[in-house]
Amino acid sequence: MAKIKVTKVRSAINRPKDQKRTLEALGLRKMGQVKEHENTPNILGMINKVSHLVSVEEA
């Protein structure tokens, strides 16, 4: 499987609770934090839900 790097670039303050939980499920807590995930449909769906708060690049 391909890997992708997900970086938190915007704050989750004043965001709906489901978006905050999605960020935590991706392992992103602090600004600028980077996590590497497998490129699976589940992860891509989570990224799509918070796409305005994160940046994604291939690893």
N, C-alpha and C. Protein backbone atom coordinates (compact mmCIF):
# COMPACT_ATOMS: atom_id res chain seq x y z
N MET A 1 0.83 -1.20 0.00
CA MET A 1 0.00 0.00 0.00
C MET A 1 0.87 1.25 0.00
N ALA A 2 0.35 2.28 -0.65
CA ALA A 2 1.04 3.56 -0.67
C ALA A 2 0.84 4.26 0.67
N LYS A 3 1.79 5.10 1.01
CA LYS A 3 1.71 5.88 2.25
C LYS A 3 1.41 7.33 1.91
N ILE A 4 0.70 8.01 2.81
CA ILE A 4 0.45 9.44 2.67
C ILE A 4 0.79 10.13 3.98
N LYS A 5 1.26 11.36 3.89
CA LYS A 5 1.55 12.18 5.06
C LYS A 5 0.44 13.20 5.23
N VAL A 6 -0.13 13.25 6.43
CA VAL A 6 -1.21 14.18 6.74
C VAL A 6 -0.68 15.18 7.77
N THR A 7 -0.80 16.47 7.46
CA THR A 7 -0.31 17.52 8.34
C THR A 7 -1.48 18.40 8.76
N LYS A 8 -1.58 18.67 10.06
CA LYS A 8 -2.62 19.57 10.55
C LYS A 8 -2.16 21.01 10.34
N VAL A 9 -2.90 21.78 9.54
CA VAL A 9 -2.48 23.14 9.20
C VAL A 9 -3.41 24.21 9.76
N ARG A 10 -4.61 23.82 10.20
CA ARG A 10 -5.55 24.79 10.77
C ARG A 10 -6.09 24.25 12.09
N SER A 11 -6.54 25.15 12.92
CA SER A 11 -7.02 24.80 14.25
C SER A 11 -8.42 24.18 14.18
N ALA A 12 -8.73 23.38 15.18
CA ALA A 12 -10.04 22.76 15.29
C ALA A 12 -10.97 23.54 16.21
N ILE A 13 -10.55 24.71 16.65
CA ILE A 13 -11.39 25.55 17.50
C ILE A 13 -12.60 26.00 16.69
N ASN A 14 -13.77 25.99 17.32
CA ASN A 14 -15.04 26.36 16.69
C ASN A 14 -15.42 25.45 15.53
N ARG A 15 -15.00 24.20 15.58
CA ARG A 15 -15.38 23.21 14.58
C ARG A 15 -16.35 22.22 15.23
N PRO A 16 -17.19 21.58 14.43
CA PRO A 16 -18.10 20.57 14.98
C PRO A 16 -17.34 19.43 15.66
N LYS A 17 -18.00 18.82 16.62
CA LYS A 17 -17.36 17.77 17.41
C LYS A 17 -16.93 16.58 16.55
N ASP A 18 -17.69 16.26 15.49
CA ASP A 18 -17.29 15.13 14.65
C ASP A 18 -15.99 15.41 13.91
N GLN A 19 -15.73 16.66 13.53
CA GLN A 19 -14.48 17.00 12.88
C GLN A 19 -13.31 16.92 13.88
N LYS A 20 -13.54 17.36 15.11
CA LYS A 20 -12.50 17.26 16.14
C LYS A 20 -12.15 15.80 16.40
N ARG A 21 -13.16 14.94 16.47
CA ARG A 21 -12.93 13.52 16.70
C ARG A 21 -12.21 12.87 15.52
N THR A 22 -12.52 13.32 14.32
CA THR A 22 -11.85 12.78 13.14
C THR A 22 -10.36 13.14 13.16
N LEU A 23 -10.04 14.37 13.54
CA LEU A 23 -8.63 14.76 13.65
C LEU A 23 -7.91 13.91 14.68
N GLU A 24 -8.54 13.67 15.82
CA GLU A 24 -7.92 12.84 16.85
C GLU A 24 -7.76 11.41 16.38
N ALA A 25 -8.73 10.90 15.62
CA ALA A 25 -8.63 9.54 15.10
C ALA A 25 -7.49 9.42 14.09
N LEU A 26 -7.18 10.51 13.40
CA LEU A 26 -6.04 10.52 12.48
C LEU A 26 -4.73 10.69 13.24
N GLY A 27 -4.80 10.98 14.54
CA GLY A 27 -3.60 11.13 15.35
C GLY A 27 -3.05 12.54 15.35
N LEU A 28 -3.87 13.51 14.93
CA LEU A 28 -3.42 14.90 14.83
C LEU A 28 -3.98 15.69 16.00
N ARG A 29 -3.10 16.17 16.87
CA ARG A 29 -3.52 16.94 18.03
C ARG A 29 -3.01 18.37 17.97
N LYS A 30 -1.74 18.54 17.62
CA LYS A 30 -1.14 19.88 17.63
C LYS A 30 -0.99 20.41 16.20
N MET A 31 -0.92 21.73 16.10
CA MET A 31 -0.70 22.38 14.81
C MET A 31 0.67 21.97 14.27
N GLY A 32 0.73 21.68 12.98
CA GLY A 32 1.98 21.32 12.36
C GLY A 32 2.38 19.87 12.54
N GLN A 33 1.59 19.12 13.28
CA GLN A 33 1.91 17.72 13.53
C GLN A 33 1.69 16.91 12.24
N VAL A 34 2.59 15.98 11.98
CA VAL A 34 2.53 15.16 10.77
C VAL A 34 2.39 13.70 11.17
N LYS A 35 1.46 13.00 10.52
CA LYS A 35 1.30 11.56 10.73
C LYS A 35 1.30 10.88 9.36
N GLU A 36 1.82 9.67 9.34
CA GLU A 36 1.87 8.90 8.11
C GLU A 36 0.86 7.76 8.21
N HIS A 37 0.03 7.63 7.18
CA HIS A 37 -1.02 6.61 7.16
C HIS A 37 -0.96 5.85 5.85
N GLU A 38 -1.57 4.65 5.85
CA GLU A 38 -1.75 3.89 4.62
C GLU A 38 -2.82 4.58 3.78
N ASN A 39 -2.70 4.46 2.49
CA ASN A 39 -3.66 5.08 1.57
C ASN A 39 -4.84 4.13 1.36
N THR A 40 -5.75 4.09 2.35
CA THR A 40 -6.92 3.21 2.29
C THR A 40 -8.19 4.05 2.15
N PRO A 41 -9.27 3.45 1.68
CA PRO A 41 -10.53 4.20 1.56
C PRO A 41 -11.01 4.80 2.88
N ASN A 42 -10.79 4.08 4.00
CA ASN A 42 -11.21 4.60 5.30
C ASN A 42 -10.47 5.89 5.65
N ILE A 43 -9.17 5.88 5.49
CA ILE A 43 -8.35 7.05 5.81
C ILE A 43 -8.68 8.20 4.85
N LEU A 44 -8.86 7.90 3.57
CA LEU A 44 -9.17 8.94 2.59
C LEU A 44 -10.52 9.59 2.90
N GLY A 45 -11.49 8.82 3.39
CA GLY A 45 -12.77 9.38 3.79
C GLY A 45 -12.65 10.31 4.98
N MET A 46 -11.80 9.93 5.93
CA MET A 46 -11.57 10.78 7.10
C MET A 46 -10.88 12.07 6.69
N ILE A 47 -9.90 11.96 5.79
CA ILE A 47 -9.20 13.15 5.31
C ILE A 47 -10.15 14.06 4.54
N ASN A 48 -11.04 13.47 3.76
CA ASN A 48 -12.00 14.27 2.99
C ASN A 48 -12.91 15.06 3.92
N LYS A 49 -13.24 14.50 5.07
CA LYS A 49 -14.14 15.17 6.02
C LYS A 49 -13.49 16.40 6.64
N VAL A 50 -12.16 16.37 6.83
CA VAL A 50 -11.45 17.50 7.44
C VAL A 50 -10.42 18.10 6.47
N SER A 51 -10.71 18.04 5.19
CA SER A 51 -9.75 18.47 4.16
C SER A 51 -9.38 19.95 4.29
N HIS A 52 -10.28 20.75 4.87
CA HIS A 52 -10.01 22.18 5.04
C HIS A 52 -9.09 22.46 6.24
N LEU A 53 -8.80 21.44 7.04
CA LEU A 53 -7.95 21.60 8.22
C LEU A 53 -6.59 20.93 8.06
N VAL A 54 -6.41 20.12 7.04
CA VAL A 54 -5.18 19.37 6.87
C VAL A 54 -4.62 19.53 5.46
N SER A 55 -3.34 19.20 5.32
CA SER A 55 -2.74 19.09 3.99
C SER A 55 -2.23 17.67 3.84
N VAL A 56 -2.26 17.17 2.62
CA VAL A 56 -1.91 15.78 2.35
C VAL A 56 -0.86 15.72 1.25
N GLU A 57 0.13 14.87 1.44
CA GLU A 57 1.13 14.65 0.40
C GLU A 57 1.52 13.18 0.42
N GLU A 58 1.96 12.67 -0.72
CA GLU A 58 2.38 11.28 -0.80
C GLU A 58 3.75 11.10 -0.19
N ALA A 59 3.95 9.99 0.48
CA ALA A 59 5.25 9.74 1.12
C ALA A 59 6.09 8.80 0.28
